[in-house]
Structures are given as C-alpha cells and as structure tokens.
Amino acid sequence: MGYTLIRADELFNEEISSPKIYLGGNCRGRDWRLEFFQRFEDKDVVFINPRRDTFADPDLDPVSHAKQVAWDKTAIDHAKWVVFWLGEGLSNQAARVEIGYAIGKGKTVLIGAEDGFLGLEHLTAFSGMVLSSSLDGLINRFASVMQAEE
C-alpha cells in the first residue's frame, strides 16, 4: 500500500487506522525525514511531518504561534510512535518541549542526535533513554520497534 503523509497544519483524518509516526526535531538543513519516507515507503503507516517553512514568532503573531503549537500537540496525541532527530548546538528548543510532552503522554519515543548536539547527557539522564548517534541508527531502531509492535 505505501505510507501516507500528513504535513504541518493539515487536518487529521480520524478514519485512517494505520499507525501514525510523528517526526519531530531538526528543521534546519537537509530534510532528514526523507530518509524515513524512503525506508518505509512500502509500509502501511502515516508519517506526520511538522516541518514548516516559516514559524510564527510568539511575540509578533501570538495567534498563529498558538495555532502551530496546538497542531503539534494534536499531532503527538494522534501518534503511536514519536521520533526526534536533534541537530547540533542549542537549537531544537521546541523539540525538547515536545519530547517531554510525548514522554508525559506515555508515547513510545525514539531520539537521535547529531554530533555536536548540546545537552545529550542531560536529555539521556532525564528521559532514561538511549539515544542514537546516527540517523541510520535511529531509523534501524525505529524499524525494530515497529516490527516488534506489529
């Protein structure tokens, strides 16, 4: 059958029963999500891609920002699995909040981070998770989790 893709700010079709995967995290640089799509192109799953071209500034446009945050929360609520790839440095602040939200909701959360991601030890200590150090490793871990839960 192949996967279905829900893009940022699209409505959720409640009738789709396929498992949903939220792909949160780094939105700068190359789109790492394409590798997920390619790896699972023959699977009956729904990828939720929160990547946007622009992000509303909460100080300049609080209404649009609130709508974006509400969509992201709803997306995580709909997801069976939540996967994050974190970029280097101190970026990914929104993703860190989303990770905490997903963990608090009891979601299966998988996290990977590029070399140079600051705060890896802290995130590992608080989440109790083992983080993948490569995108390929994260994809392989997700494939294992998905297969075990099918």
N, C-alpha and C. Protein backbone atom coordinates (compact mmCIF):
# COMPACT_ATOMS: atom_id res chain seq x y z
N MET A 1 0.82 -1.19 0.00
CA MET A 1 0.00 0.00 0.00
C MET A 1 0.86 1.25 0.00
N GLY A 2 1.77 1.40 0.93
CA GLY A 2 2.60 2.59 1.00
C GLY A 2 2.14 3.55 2.07
N TYR A 3 3.05 4.41 2.47
CA TYR A 3 2.76 5.32 3.57
C TYR A 3 1.90 6.51 3.11
N THR A 4 1.28 7.14 4.09
CA THR A 4 0.52 8.37 3.91
C THR A 4 1.30 9.47 4.64
N LEU A 5 1.24 10.67 4.13
CA LEU A 5 1.96 11.78 4.74
C LEU A 5 0.98 12.89 5.13
N ILE A 6 1.06 13.30 6.39
CA ILE A 6 0.31 14.46 6.87
C ILE A 6 1.33 15.56 7.11
N ARG A 7 1.16 16.68 6.44
CA ARG A 7 2.08 17.80 6.57
C ARG A 7 1.58 18.78 7.63
N ALA A 8 2.49 19.62 8.07
CA ALA A 8 2.17 20.62 9.09
C ALA A 8 0.91 21.38 8.73
N ASP A 9 0.04 21.51 9.70
CA ASP A 9 -1.19 22.28 9.63
C ASP A 9 -2.29 21.62 8.80
N GLU A 10 -2.06 20.41 8.27
CA GLU A 10 -3.14 19.69 7.61
C GLU A 10 -4.04 19.05 8.67
N LEU A 11 -5.28 18.84 8.31
CA LEU A 11 -6.23 18.22 9.22
C LEU A 11 -5.95 16.72 9.35
N PHE A 12 -6.30 16.17 10.49
CA PHE A 12 -6.14 14.74 10.72
C PHE A 12 -7.42 14.02 10.32
N ASN A 13 -7.26 12.98 9.53
CA ASN A 13 -8.39 12.15 9.12
C ASN A 13 -8.56 11.06 10.17
N GLU A 14 -9.60 11.17 10.96
CA GLU A 14 -9.84 10.22 12.05
C GLU A 14 -10.14 8.82 11.53
N GLU A 15 -10.48 8.69 10.26
CA GLU A 15 -10.83 7.38 9.70
C GLU A 15 -9.61 6.55 9.33
N ILE A 16 -8.44 7.16 9.27
CA ILE A 16 -7.22 6.42 8.93
C ILE A 16 -6.81 5.61 10.15
N SER A 17 -6.78 4.30 10.01
CA SER A 17 -6.47 3.43 11.14
C SER A 17 -5.00 3.02 11.17
N SER A 18 -4.24 3.34 10.14
CA SER A 18 -2.83 2.97 10.10
C SER A 18 -2.08 3.65 11.25
N PRO A 19 -1.05 2.98 11.79
CA PRO A 19 -0.26 3.61 12.86
C PRO A 19 0.38 4.91 12.37
N LYS A 20 0.43 5.89 13.28
CA LYS A 20 0.96 7.21 12.93
C LYS A 20 2.28 7.46 13.64
N ILE A 21 3.21 8.07 12.91
CA ILE A 21 4.54 8.36 13.42
C ILE A 21 4.80 9.85 13.28
N TYR A 22 5.03 10.51 14.40
CA TYR A 22 5.36 11.94 14.42
C TYR A 22 6.88 12.06 14.27
N LEU A 23 7.32 12.82 13.29
CA LEU A 23 8.75 13.00 13.03
C LEU A 23 9.16 14.42 13.43
N GLY A 24 9.49 14.61 14.69
CA GLY A 24 9.83 15.92 15.21
C GLY A 24 11.33 16.15 15.27
N GLY A 25 11.70 17.38 15.51
CA GLY A 25 13.11 17.69 15.67
C GLY A 25 13.62 18.67 14.65
N ASN A 26 14.87 18.48 14.30
CA ASN A 26 15.62 19.42 13.48
C ASN A 26 14.89 19.77 12.18
N CYS A 27 14.72 21.06 11.93
CA CYS A 27 14.09 21.55 10.70
C CYS A 27 15.04 22.37 9.85
N ARG A 28 16.29 22.45 10.27
CA ARG A 28 17.28 23.22 9.51
C ARG A 28 18.12 22.28 8.67
N GLY A 29 18.61 22.80 7.56
CA GLY A 29 19.48 21.99 6.71
C GLY A 29 18.70 20.97 5.89
N ARG A 30 19.36 19.87 5.60
CA ARG A 30 18.71 18.84 4.77
C ARG A 30 17.52 18.26 5.52
N ASP A 31 16.56 17.80 4.76
CA ASP A 31 15.37 17.23 5.37
C ASP A 31 15.60 15.75 5.65
N TRP A 32 16.00 15.45 6.87
CA TRP A 32 16.30 14.08 7.28
C TRP A 32 15.08 13.18 7.21
N ARG A 33 13.89 13.74 7.21
CA ARG A 33 12.67 12.93 7.18
C ARG A 33 12.53 12.15 5.88
N LEU A 34 13.11 12.67 4.81
CA LEU A 34 13.05 11.97 3.52
C LEU A 34 13.62 10.56 3.62
N GLU A 35 14.65 10.38 4.45
CA GLU A 35 15.23 9.05 4.62
C GLU A 35 14.25 8.11 5.31
N PHE A 36 13.44 8.62 6.22
CA PHE A 36 12.39 7.80 6.84
C PHE A 36 11.36 7.41 5.79
N PHE A 37 10.92 8.38 5.00
CA PHE A 37 9.91 8.10 3.99
C PHE A 37 10.40 7.02 3.03
N GLN A 38 11.65 7.14 2.59
CA GLN A 38 12.21 6.17 1.64
C GLN A 38 12.33 4.78 2.25
N ARG A 39 12.77 4.71 3.49
CA ARG A 39 12.98 3.42 4.15
C ARG A 39 11.67 2.66 4.36
N PHE A 40 10.59 3.39 4.58
CA PHE A 40 9.31 2.75 4.90
C PHE A 40 8.25 3.02 3.83
N GLU A 41 8.69 3.22 2.58
CA GLU A 41 7.77 3.59 1.53
C GLU A 41 6.73 2.51 1.21
N ASP A 42 7.00 1.27 1.59
CA ASP A 42 6.05 0.20 1.31
C ASP A 42 5.21 -0.19 2.52
N LYS A 43 5.34 0.55 3.62
CA LYS A 43 4.61 0.24 4.85
C LYS A 43 3.29 1.00 4.92
N ASP A 44 2.32 0.36 5.53
CA ASP A 44 1.01 0.99 5.72
C ASP A 44 1.05 1.78 7.03
N VAL A 45 1.68 2.96 6.97
CA VAL A 45 1.81 3.84 8.13
C VAL A 45 1.50 5.27 7.68
N VAL A 46 1.33 6.12 8.68
CA VAL A 46 1.10 7.54 8.40
C VAL A 46 2.23 8.32 9.05
N PHE A 47 2.98 9.05 8.25
CA PHE A 47 4.01 9.93 8.79
C PHE A 47 3.40 11.31 9.01
N ILE A 48 3.66 11.86 10.18
CA ILE A 48 3.21 13.22 10.49
C ILE A 48 4.46 14.09 10.48
N ASN A 49 4.53 15.00 9.52
CA ASN A 49 5.70 15.85 9.33
C ASN A 49 5.39 17.27 9.79
N PRO A 50 5.90 17.68 10.95
CA PRO A 50 5.61 19.03 11.44
C PRO A 50 6.49 20.12 10.84
N ARG A 51 7.38 19.76 9.93
CA ARG A 51 8.31 20.75 9.36
C ARG A 51 7.55 21.83 8.61
N ARG A 52 7.87 23.06 8.93
CA ARG A 52 7.26 24.22 8.28
C ARG A 52 8.36 25.07 7.64
N ASP A 53 7.98 25.81 6.62
CA ASP A 53 8.94 26.73 6.01
C ASP A 53 9.15 27.96 6.88
N THR A 54 8.11 28.37 7.58
CA THR A 54 8.20 29.53 8.47
C THR A 54 7.53 29.20 9.80
N PHE A 55 8.02 29.84 10.83
CA PHE A 55 7.47 29.65 12.17
C PHE A 55 6.98 31.00 12.69
N ALA A 56 5.81 31.01 13.23
CA ALA A 56 5.24 32.25 13.76
C ALA A 56 6.00 32.67 15.02
N ASP A 57 6.35 33.93 15.08
CA ASP A 57 7.00 34.49 16.27
C ASP A 57 5.95 34.71 17.34
N PRO A 58 6.12 34.09 18.54
CA PRO A 58 5.08 34.21 19.56
C PRO A 58 4.85 35.65 20.04
N ASP A 59 5.86 36.53 19.92
CA ASP A 59 5.69 37.93 20.33
C ASP A 59 5.01 38.76 19.26
N LEU A 60 5.30 38.47 17.99
CA LEU A 60 4.75 39.27 16.90
C LEU A 60 3.41 38.75 16.39
N ASP A 61 3.21 37.44 16.49
CA ASP A 61 1.97 36.84 15.98
C ASP A 61 1.54 35.72 16.92
N PRO A 62 1.09 36.08 18.13
CA PRO A 62 0.76 35.05 19.12
C PRO A 62 -0.37 34.11 18.71
N VAL A 63 -1.31 34.59 17.90
CA VAL A 63 -2.42 33.74 17.48
C VAL A 63 -1.92 32.63 16.55
N SER A 64 -1.11 32.99 15.56
CA SER A 64 -0.57 31.98 14.65
C SER A 64 0.35 31.01 15.38
N HIS A 65 1.15 31.53 16.29
CA HIS A 65 2.04 30.67 17.07
C HIS A 65 1.23 29.67 17.90
N ALA A 66 0.18 30.13 18.54
CA ALA A 66 -0.67 29.25 19.34
C ALA A 66 -1.30 28.16 18.47
N LYS A 67 -1.69 28.51 17.25
CA LYS A 67 -2.26 27.52 16.33
C LYS A 67 -1.22 26.46 15.95
N GLN A 68 0.03 26.90 15.71
CA GLN A 68 1.09 25.94 15.38
C GLN A 68 1.33 24.99 16.54
N VAL A 69 1.42 25.52 17.75
CA VAL A 69 1.66 24.69 18.93
C VAL A 69 0.50 23.72 19.14
N ALA A 70 -0.73 24.20 18.97
CA ALA A 70 -1.90 23.32 19.14
C ALA A 70 -1.88 22.19 18.11
N TRP A 71 -1.48 22.50 16.86
CA TRP A 71 -1.40 21.46 15.84
C TRP A 71 -0.35 20.43 16.23
N ASP A 72 0.81 20.88 16.69
CA ASP A 72 1.88 19.95 17.09
C ASP A 72 1.43 19.05 18.24
N LYS A 73 0.75 19.63 19.22
CA LYS A 73 0.24 18.82 20.35
C LYS A 73 -0.75 17.78 19.85
N THR A 74 -1.67 18.19 18.98
CA THR A 74 -2.65 17.25 18.43
C THR A 74 -1.95 16.16 17.64
N ALA A 75 -0.92 16.52 16.89
CA ALA A 75 -0.18 15.54 16.10
C ALA A 75 0.47 14.49 17.01
N ILE A 76 1.09 14.94 18.07
CA ILE A 76 1.71 13.99 19.02
C ILE A 76 0.63 13.13 19.67
N ASP A 77 -0.49 13.72 20.00
CA ASP A 77 -1.60 12.96 20.59
C ASP A 77 -2.08 11.85 19.66
N HIS A 78 -2.09 12.11 18.35
CA HIS A 78 -2.54 11.11 17.38
C HIS A 78 -1.50 10.03 17.10
N ALA A 79 -0.24 10.32 17.38
CA ALA A 79 0.84 9.41 17.01
C ALA A 79 0.93 8.21 17.95
N LYS A 80 1.26 7.08 17.36
CA LYS A 80 1.58 5.88 18.15
C LYS A 80 3.03 5.95 18.57
N TRP A 81 3.89 6.37 17.63
CA TRP A 81 5.32 6.49 17.87
C TRP A 81 5.75 7.92 17.60
N VAL A 82 6.70 8.40 18.39
CA VAL A 82 7.20 9.76 18.24
C VAL A 82 8.71 9.67 18.10
N VAL A 83 9.22 10.17 16.97
CA VAL A 83 10.64 10.07 16.65
C VAL A 83 11.21 11.48 16.50
N PHE A 84 12.36 11.70 17.14
CA PHE A 84 13.03 13.00 17.06
C PHE A 84 14.46 12.84 16.59
N TRP A 85 14.87 13.71 15.68
CA TRP A 85 16.27 13.84 15.28
C TRP A 85 16.68 15.26 15.64
N LEU A 86 17.70 15.37 16.48
CA LEU A 86 18.11 16.67 17.01
C LEU A 86 19.42 17.11 16.38
N GLY A 87 19.44 18.36 15.95
CA GLY A 87 20.61 18.92 15.30
C GLY A 87 21.65 19.43 16.29
N GLU A 88 22.77 19.84 15.76
CA GLU A 88 23.88 20.28 16.61
C GLU A 88 23.57 21.59 17.31
N GLY A 89 24.32 21.86 18.34
CA GLY A 89 24.21 23.13 19.07
C GLY A 89 23.02 23.14 20.01
N LEU A 90 22.54 24.35 20.24
CA LEU A 90 21.44 24.55 21.18
C LEU A 90 20.10 24.75 20.49
N SER A 91 20.05 24.45 19.21
CA SER A 91 18.77 24.57 18.51
C SER A 91 17.84 23.47 19.04
N ASN A 92 16.71 23.33 18.50
CA ASN A 92 15.77 22.28 18.89
C ASN A 92 15.07 22.53 20.22
N GLN A 93 14.95 23.78 20.64
CA GLN A 93 14.30 24.04 21.92
C GLN A 93 12.85 23.57 21.91
N ALA A 94 12.13 23.80 20.83
CA ALA A 94 10.74 23.34 20.76
C ALA A 94 10.68 21.81 20.81
N ALA A 95 11.62 21.17 20.14
CA ALA A 95 11.64 19.70 20.15
C ALA A 95 11.85 19.15 21.55
N ARG A 96 12.66 19.81 22.35
CA ARG A 96 12.88 19.35 23.72
C ARG A 96 11.58 19.40 24.53
N VAL A 97 10.78 20.43 24.31
CA VAL A 97 9.49 20.52 24.98
C VAL A 97 8.56 19.42 24.47
N GLU A 98 8.56 19.20 23.16
CA GLU A 98 7.72 18.16 22.56
C GLU A 98 8.11 16.77 23.08
N ILE A 99 9.41 16.54 23.27
CA ILE A 99 9.87 15.26 23.80
C ILE A 99 9.28 15.04 25.20
N GLY A 100 9.37 16.05 26.04
CA GLY A 100 8.79 15.94 27.38
C GLY A 100 7.29 15.69 27.33
N TYR A 101 6.61 16.39 26.44
CA TYR A 101 5.16 16.21 26.30
C TYR A 101 4.85 14.77 25.88
N ALA A 102 5.57 14.26 24.87
CA ALA A 102 5.32 12.91 24.37
C ALA A 102 5.60 11.86 25.44
N ILE A 103 6.69 12.03 26.18
CA ILE A 103 7.00 11.10 27.26
C ILE A 103 5.90 11.14 28.32
N GLY A 104 5.47 12.35 28.66
CA GLY A 104 4.39 12.51 29.65
C GLY A 104 3.09 11.87 29.21
N LYS A 105 2.85 11.82 27.91
CA LYS A 105 1.64 11.20 27.37
C LYS A 105 1.77 9.68 27.24
N GLY A 106 2.95 9.16 27.59
CA GLY A 106 3.17 7.72 27.53
C GLY A 106 3.44 7.18 26.14
N LYS A 107 3.85 8.04 25.23
CA LYS A 107 4.14 7.61 23.86
C LYS A 107 5.46 6.84 23.81
N THR A 108 5.59 5.98 22.81
CA THR A 108 6.88 5.37 22.52
C THR A 108 7.71 6.43 21.82
N VAL A 109 8.82 6.85 22.44
CA VAL A 109 9.63 7.94 21.94
C VAL A 109 11.02 7.42 21.60
N LEU A 110 11.49 7.74 20.41
CA LEU A 110 12.85 7.41 20.00
C LEU A 110 13.55 8.71 19.64
N ILE A 111 14.81 8.83 20.05
CA ILE A 111 15.54 10.08 19.86
C ILE A 111 16.92 9.78 19.30
N GLY A 112 17.34 10.59 18.36
CA GLY A 112 18.69 10.56 17.84
C GLY A 112 19.22 11.98 17.77
N ALA A 113 20.55 12.09 17.78
CA ALA A 113 21.15 13.43 17.76
C ALA A 113 22.44 13.43 16.98
N GLU A 114 22.66 14.53 16.26
CA GLU A 114 23.91 14.74 15.53
C GLU A 114 25.06 14.95 16.51
N ASP A 115 26.27 14.67 16.04
CA ASP A 115 27.45 15.07 16.81
C ASP A 115 27.36 16.57 17.03
N GLY A 116 27.68 17.01 18.20
CA GLY A 116 27.65 18.44 18.49
C GLY A 116 26.34 18.89 19.10
N PHE A 117 25.39 17.98 19.29
CA PHE A 117 24.15 18.35 19.96
C PHE A 117 24.48 18.60 21.43
N LEU A 118 24.12 19.77 21.91
CA LEU A 118 24.41 20.12 23.30
C LEU A 118 23.25 19.74 24.20
N GLY A 119 23.54 19.04 25.25
CA GLY A 119 22.52 18.64 26.20
C GLY A 119 22.16 17.17 26.11
N LEU A 120 22.92 16.40 25.34
CA LEU A 120 22.63 14.99 25.16
C LEU A 120 22.64 14.23 26.50
N GLU A 121 23.65 14.48 27.30
CA GLU A 121 23.75 13.78 28.58
C GLU A 121 22.58 14.13 29.49
N HIS A 122 22.19 15.39 29.48
CA HIS A 122 21.07 15.84 30.30
C HIS A 122 19.77 15.17 29.84
N LEU A 123 19.56 15.17 28.54
CA LEU A 123 18.35 14.56 27.98
C LEU A 123 18.32 13.07 28.28
N THR A 124 19.45 12.41 28.16
CA THR A 124 19.52 10.98 28.45
C THR A 124 19.23 10.71 29.92
N ALA A 125 19.80 11.53 30.80
CA ALA A 125 19.61 11.33 32.24
C ALA A 125 18.15 11.51 32.64
N PHE A 126 17.48 12.53 32.09
CA PHE A 126 16.10 12.78 32.47
C PHE A 126 15.12 11.82 31.81
N SER A 127 15.41 11.40 30.59
CA SER A 127 14.46 10.53 29.89
C SER A 127 14.71 9.06 30.19
N GLY A 128 15.94 8.72 30.58
CA GLY A 128 16.28 7.32 30.80
C GLY A 128 16.44 6.54 29.51
N MET A 129 16.51 7.23 28.39
CA MET A 129 16.58 6.57 27.08
C MET A 129 18.02 6.53 26.57
N VAL A 130 18.25 5.57 25.70
CA VAL A 130 19.49 5.53 24.95
C VAL A 130 19.23 6.25 23.64
N LEU A 131 20.05 7.22 23.32
CA LEU A 131 19.85 7.99 22.11
C LEU A 131 20.74 7.48 20.99
N SER A 132 20.23 7.50 19.78
CA SER A 132 21.01 7.09 18.61
C SER A 132 21.94 8.21 18.21
N SER A 133 23.15 7.84 17.82
CA SER A 133 24.14 8.84 17.43
C SER A 133 24.23 9.02 15.91
N SER A 134 23.40 8.29 15.17
CA SER A 134 23.36 8.47 13.71
C SER A 134 21.91 8.34 13.25
N LEU A 135 21.61 9.00 12.15
CA LEU A 135 20.26 8.93 11.61
C LEU A 135 19.95 7.50 11.18
N ASP A 136 20.91 6.83 10.59
CA ASP A 136 20.70 5.44 10.17
C ASP A 136 20.40 4.56 11.38
N GLY A 137 21.12 4.79 12.48
CA GLY A 137 20.86 4.04 13.70
C GLY A 137 19.46 4.29 14.23
N LEU A 138 19.02 5.54 14.17
CA LEU A 138 17.66 5.89 14.63
C LEU A 138 16.62 5.19 13.75
N ILE A 139 16.83 5.20 12.46
CA ILE A 139 15.89 4.54 11.55
C ILE A 139 15.85 3.04 11.83
N ASN A 140 17.01 2.42 12.05
CA ASN A 140 17.06 0.99 12.36
C ASN A 140 16.35 0.68 13.68
N ARG A 141 16.56 1.52 14.70
CA ARG A 141 15.87 1.32 15.97
C ARG A 141 14.37 1.43 15.79
N PHE A 142 13.93 2.42 15.01
CA PHE A 142 12.51 2.57 14.78
C PHE A 142 11.96 1.34 14.04
N ALA A 143 12.67 0.84 13.05
CA ALA A 143 12.22 -0.34 12.31
C ALA A 143 12.04 -1.53 13.27
N SER A 144 12.94 -1.68 14.22
CA SER A 144 12.84 -2.76 15.20
C SER A 144 11.62 -2.59 16.09
N VAL A 145 11.41 -1.38 16.57
CA VAL A 145 10.25 -1.10 17.43
C VAL A 145 8.96 -1.34 16.67
N MET A 146 8.91 -0.85 15.44
CA MET A 146 7.70 -1.02 14.62
C MET A 146 7.43 -2.50 14.37
N GLN A 147 8.44 -3.26 14.06
CA GLN A 147 8.27 -4.69 13.80
C GLN A 147 7.82 -5.42 15.07
N ALA A 148 8.37 -5.06 16.20
CA ALA A 148 8.01 -5.71 17.47
C ALA A 148 6.57 -5.43 17.87
N GLU A 149 6.04 -4.28 17.45
CA GLU A 149 4.69 -3.89 17.86
C GLU A 149 3.63 -4.17 16.80
N GLU A 150 4.03 -4.75 15.67
CA GLU A 150 3.06 -5.05 14.60
C GLU A 150 2.23 -6.26 14.95
